[in-house]
Amino acid sequence: MITARKGDPVVCSKGHVNGCLQKDIAETDVIGPKDFGLNEAATTITSAGDGHLCSYAQCGERITKLHKGAYQIQTAHGWLGHLEP
């Protein structure tokens, strides 16, 4: 089941747009780095290197989580992507 469409925004929980999806994505898909694009001026990598944070007005909300090479991303539809335990 497709949960988000190509072109849908990647957002933080406060609604700041930080990028967009590069393909249709279902809730349980494994998401790679080429499946979404981020505005580098609006995001920062976490200090642990395990995802990205929104940097609009020093927001700091997490927008991606990285684990074992796969991402979860925050969209207007909620968190998408499957991470292996």
N, C-alpha and C. Protein backbone atom coordinates (compact mmCIF):
# COMPACT_ATOMS: atom_id res chain seq x y z
N MET A 1 0.85 -1.18 0.00
CA MET A 1 0.00 0.00 0.00
C MET A 1 0.89 1.25 0.00
N ILE A 2 0.69 2.13 -0.96
CA ILE A 2 1.45 3.38 -1.05
C ILE A 2 0.93 4.34 0.01
N THR A 3 1.82 4.84 0.84
CA THR A 3 1.45 5.76 1.90
C THR A 3 1.80 7.20 1.54
N ALA A 4 2.88 7.38 0.79
CA ALA A 4 3.31 8.72 0.38
C ALA A 4 3.77 8.67 -1.07
N ARG A 5 3.56 9.73 -1.78
CA ARG A 5 3.87 9.79 -3.20
C ARG A 5 5.14 10.58 -3.49
N LYS A 6 5.75 10.25 -4.62
CA LYS A 6 6.90 11.01 -5.10
C LYS A 6 6.53 12.48 -5.11
N GLY A 7 7.40 13.32 -4.56
CA GLY A 7 7.15 14.76 -4.50
C GLY A 7 6.56 15.22 -3.17
N ASP A 8 6.01 14.28 -2.36
CA ASP A 8 5.49 14.66 -1.05
C ASP A 8 6.64 15.19 -0.20
N PRO A 9 6.37 16.16 0.68
CA PRO A 9 7.45 16.76 1.47
C PRO A 9 7.93 15.88 2.62
N VAL A 10 9.21 16.02 2.94
CA VAL A 10 9.80 15.50 4.18
C VAL A 10 9.70 16.67 5.16
N VAL A 11 9.06 16.43 6.31
CA VAL A 11 8.80 17.51 7.26
C VAL A 11 9.23 17.11 8.67
N CYS A 12 9.44 18.11 9.51
CA CYS A 12 9.64 17.83 10.93
C CYS A 12 8.27 17.83 11.60
N SER A 13 8.23 17.49 12.88
CA SER A 13 6.95 17.41 13.58
C SER A 13 6.28 18.78 13.74
N LYS A 14 7.05 19.86 13.53
CA LYS A 14 6.48 21.21 13.60
C LYS A 14 5.99 21.69 12.24
N GLY A 15 6.19 20.87 11.20
CA GLY A 15 5.68 21.21 9.88
C GLY A 15 6.65 21.90 8.94
N HIS A 16 7.90 22.09 9.36
CA HIS A 16 8.88 22.71 8.46
C HIS A 16 9.23 21.72 7.34
N VAL A 17 9.17 22.19 6.10
CA VAL A 17 9.51 21.34 4.95
C VAL A 17 11.02 21.31 4.79
N ASN A 18 11.58 20.08 4.77
CA ASN A 18 13.03 19.91 4.71
C ASN A 18 13.50 19.21 3.45
N GLY A 19 12.60 18.78 2.60
CA GLY A 19 12.96 18.05 1.38
C GLY A 19 11.74 17.39 0.80
N CYS A 20 11.96 16.42 -0.10
CA CYS A 20 10.83 15.72 -0.71
C CYS A 20 11.21 14.29 -1.07
N LEU A 21 10.18 13.48 -1.26
CA LEU A 21 10.37 12.08 -1.65
C LEU A 21 10.70 12.00 -3.13
N GLN A 22 11.58 11.08 -3.47
CA GLN A 22 11.98 10.88 -4.86
C GLN A 22 11.24 9.71 -5.51
N LYS A 23 10.41 8.99 -4.72
CA LYS A 23 9.62 7.88 -5.24
C LYS A 23 8.44 7.64 -4.33
N ASP A 24 7.46 6.87 -4.79
CA ASP A 24 6.35 6.45 -3.94
C ASP A 24 6.89 5.53 -2.84
N ILE A 25 6.39 5.69 -1.62
CA ILE A 25 6.89 4.91 -0.49
C ILE A 25 5.72 4.41 0.35
N ALA A 26 5.79 3.13 0.72
CA ALA A 26 4.82 2.54 1.64
C ALA A 26 5.40 2.57 3.05
N GLU A 27 4.53 2.43 4.03
CA GLU A 27 4.93 2.55 5.43
C GLU A 27 6.06 1.59 5.81
N THR A 28 6.06 0.40 5.25
CA THR A 28 7.05 -0.61 5.65
C THR A 28 8.18 -0.80 4.64
N ASP A 29 8.31 0.06 3.63
CA ASP A 29 9.41 -0.04 2.67
C ASP A 29 10.75 0.21 3.35
N VAL A 30 11.79 -0.41 2.81
CA VAL A 30 13.15 -0.09 3.21
C VAL A 30 13.57 1.11 2.36
N ILE A 31 13.96 2.20 3.00
CA ILE A 31 14.24 3.46 2.32
C ILE A 31 15.74 3.70 2.30
N GLY A 32 16.26 3.96 1.11
CA GLY A 32 17.68 4.26 0.94
C GLY A 32 17.89 5.75 0.76
N PRO A 33 19.15 6.20 0.73
CA PRO A 33 19.44 7.63 0.64
C PRO A 33 19.01 8.27 -0.68
N LYS A 34 18.80 7.49 -1.73
CA LYS A 34 18.38 8.06 -3.01
C LYS A 34 16.86 8.14 -3.14
N ASP A 35 16.12 7.68 -2.12
CA ASP A 35 14.66 7.67 -2.16
C ASP A 35 14.04 8.98 -1.69
N PHE A 36 14.88 9.87 -1.15
CA PHE A 36 14.39 11.18 -0.71
C PHE A 36 15.51 12.20 -0.88
N GLY A 37 15.13 13.45 -1.01
CA GLY A 37 16.10 14.53 -1.12
C GLY A 37 15.86 15.53 0.00
N LEU A 38 16.94 16.04 0.57
CA LEU A 38 16.83 17.02 1.64
C LEU A 38 17.46 18.33 1.22
N ASN A 39 16.91 19.42 1.71
CA ASN A 39 17.48 20.74 1.51
C ASN A 39 18.63 20.86 2.50
N GLU A 40 19.86 20.79 2.02
CA GLU A 40 21.03 20.77 2.90
C GLU A 40 21.13 22.02 3.77
N ALA A 41 20.59 23.13 3.31
CA ALA A 41 20.63 24.36 4.10
C ALA A 41 19.64 24.30 5.26
N ALA A 42 18.67 23.39 5.19
CA ALA A 42 17.61 23.31 6.21
C ALA A 42 17.77 22.11 7.13
N THR A 43 18.84 21.32 6.96
CA THR A 43 19.01 20.13 7.77
C THR A 43 20.44 20.02 8.27
N THR A 44 20.60 19.29 9.37
CA THR A 44 21.93 18.96 9.87
C THR A 44 21.95 17.47 10.21
N ILE A 45 23.12 16.87 10.13
CA ILE A 45 23.28 15.47 10.50
C ILE A 45 23.39 15.40 12.02
N THR A 46 22.78 14.41 12.62
CA THR A 46 22.86 14.26 14.07
C THR A 46 24.32 14.06 14.49
N SER A 47 24.63 14.40 15.72
CA SER A 47 26.01 14.26 16.21
C SER A 47 26.46 12.81 16.19
N ALA A 48 25.53 11.86 16.33
CA ALA A 48 25.87 10.44 16.28
C ALA A 48 25.91 9.91 14.84
N GLY A 49 25.52 10.75 13.88
CA GLY A 49 25.52 10.32 12.48
C GLY A 49 24.41 9.36 12.14
N ASP A 50 23.35 9.33 12.96
CA ASP A 50 22.27 8.36 12.76
C ASP A 50 20.99 8.98 12.23
N GLY A 51 21.11 10.08 11.50
CA GLY A 51 19.94 10.71 10.90
C GLY A 51 20.15 12.20 10.69
N HIS A 52 19.03 12.89 10.45
CA HIS A 52 19.06 14.32 10.16
C HIS A 52 18.09 15.05 11.09
N LEU A 53 18.43 16.31 11.35
CA LEU A 53 17.59 17.18 12.17
C LEU A 53 17.18 18.40 11.36
N CYS A 54 16.01 18.93 11.65
CA CYS A 54 15.55 20.18 11.04
C CYS A 54 16.35 21.32 11.65
N SER A 55 16.87 22.21 10.81
CA SER A 55 17.63 23.35 11.34
C SER A 55 16.97 24.69 11.03
N TYR A 56 15.69 24.67 10.61
CA TYR A 56 14.96 25.93 10.44
C TYR A 56 14.82 26.59 11.80
N ALA A 57 15.26 27.81 11.90
CA ALA A 57 15.14 28.60 13.13
C ALA A 57 15.57 27.78 14.35
N GLN A 58 16.65 26.99 14.20
CA GLN A 58 17.19 26.15 15.26
C GLN A 58 16.14 25.21 15.83
N CYS A 59 15.29 24.67 14.98
CA CYS A 59 14.20 23.78 15.38
C CYS A 59 14.72 22.54 16.12
N GLY A 60 15.60 21.76 15.46
CA GLY A 60 16.21 20.60 16.10
C GLY A 60 15.39 19.33 16.11
N GLU A 61 14.19 19.34 15.51
CA GLU A 61 13.36 18.12 15.47
C GLU A 61 13.96 17.12 14.48
N ARG A 62 13.90 15.84 14.82
CA ARG A 62 14.44 14.78 13.96
C ARG A 62 13.53 14.60 12.74
N ILE A 63 14.16 14.48 11.55
CA ILE A 63 13.39 14.24 10.33
C ILE A 63 13.75 12.91 9.67
N THR A 64 14.93 12.37 9.98
CA THR A 64 15.28 11.03 9.49
C THR A 64 15.97 10.25 10.60
N LYS A 65 15.83 8.94 10.53
CA LYS A 65 16.56 8.02 11.41
C LYS A 65 17.29 7.04 10.51
N LEU A 66 18.55 6.78 10.79
CA LEU A 66 19.37 5.87 10.00
C LEU A 66 19.80 4.71 10.88
N HIS A 67 19.59 3.48 10.37
CA HIS A 67 19.99 2.29 11.10
C HIS A 67 20.34 1.19 10.10
N LYS A 68 21.57 0.71 10.16
CA LYS A 68 22.03 -0.37 9.28
C LYS A 68 21.80 -0.04 7.80
N GLY A 69 22.03 1.21 7.41
CA GLY A 69 21.94 1.61 6.01
C GLY A 69 20.54 1.92 5.50
N ALA A 70 19.52 1.79 6.35
CA ALA A 70 18.14 2.09 5.96
C ALA A 70 17.64 3.29 6.75
N TYR A 71 16.73 4.04 6.15
CA TYR A 71 16.19 5.24 6.78
C TYR A 71 14.72 5.09 7.14
N GLN A 72 14.31 5.81 8.17
CA GLN A 72 12.92 6.16 8.41
C GLN A 72 12.87 7.66 8.17
N ILE A 73 11.80 8.13 7.56
CA ILE A 73 11.68 9.56 7.30
C ILE A 73 10.33 10.07 7.79
N GLN A 74 10.34 11.31 8.26
CA GLN A 74 9.12 11.96 8.76
C GLN A 74 8.45 12.67 7.59
N THR A 75 7.18 12.38 7.37
CA THR A 75 6.40 13.06 6.34
C THR A 75 5.11 13.56 6.98
N ALA A 76 4.31 14.25 6.19
CA ALA A 76 3.01 14.69 6.68
C ALA A 76 2.12 13.50 7.02
N HIS A 77 2.46 12.31 6.51
CA HIS A 77 1.70 11.08 6.77
C HIS A 77 2.22 10.35 8.00
N GLY A 78 3.27 10.87 8.64
CA GLY A 78 3.90 10.22 9.78
C GLY A 78 5.24 9.63 9.37
N TRP A 79 5.80 8.80 10.24
CA TRP A 79 7.08 8.15 9.95
C TRP A 79 6.89 7.02 8.97
N LEU A 80 7.74 6.97 7.95
CA LEU A 80 7.70 5.91 6.94
C LEU A 80 9.03 5.20 6.90
N GLY A 81 9.00 3.94 6.56
CA GLY A 81 10.23 3.16 6.38
C GLY A 81 10.40 2.13 7.49
N HIS A 82 10.96 1.01 7.09
CA HIS A 82 11.18 -0.10 8.01
C HIS A 82 12.64 -0.17 8.43
N LEU A 83 12.89 -0.21 9.73
CA LEU A 83 14.24 -0.36 10.25
C LEU A 83 14.36 -1.73 10.92
N GLU A 84 15.40 -2.47 10.53
CA GLU A 84 15.66 -3.76 11.17
C GLU A 84 16.09 -3.54 12.62
N PRO A 85 15.65 -4.40 13.54
CA PRO A 85 16.04 -4.23 14.96
C PRO A 85 17.53 -4.48 15.16
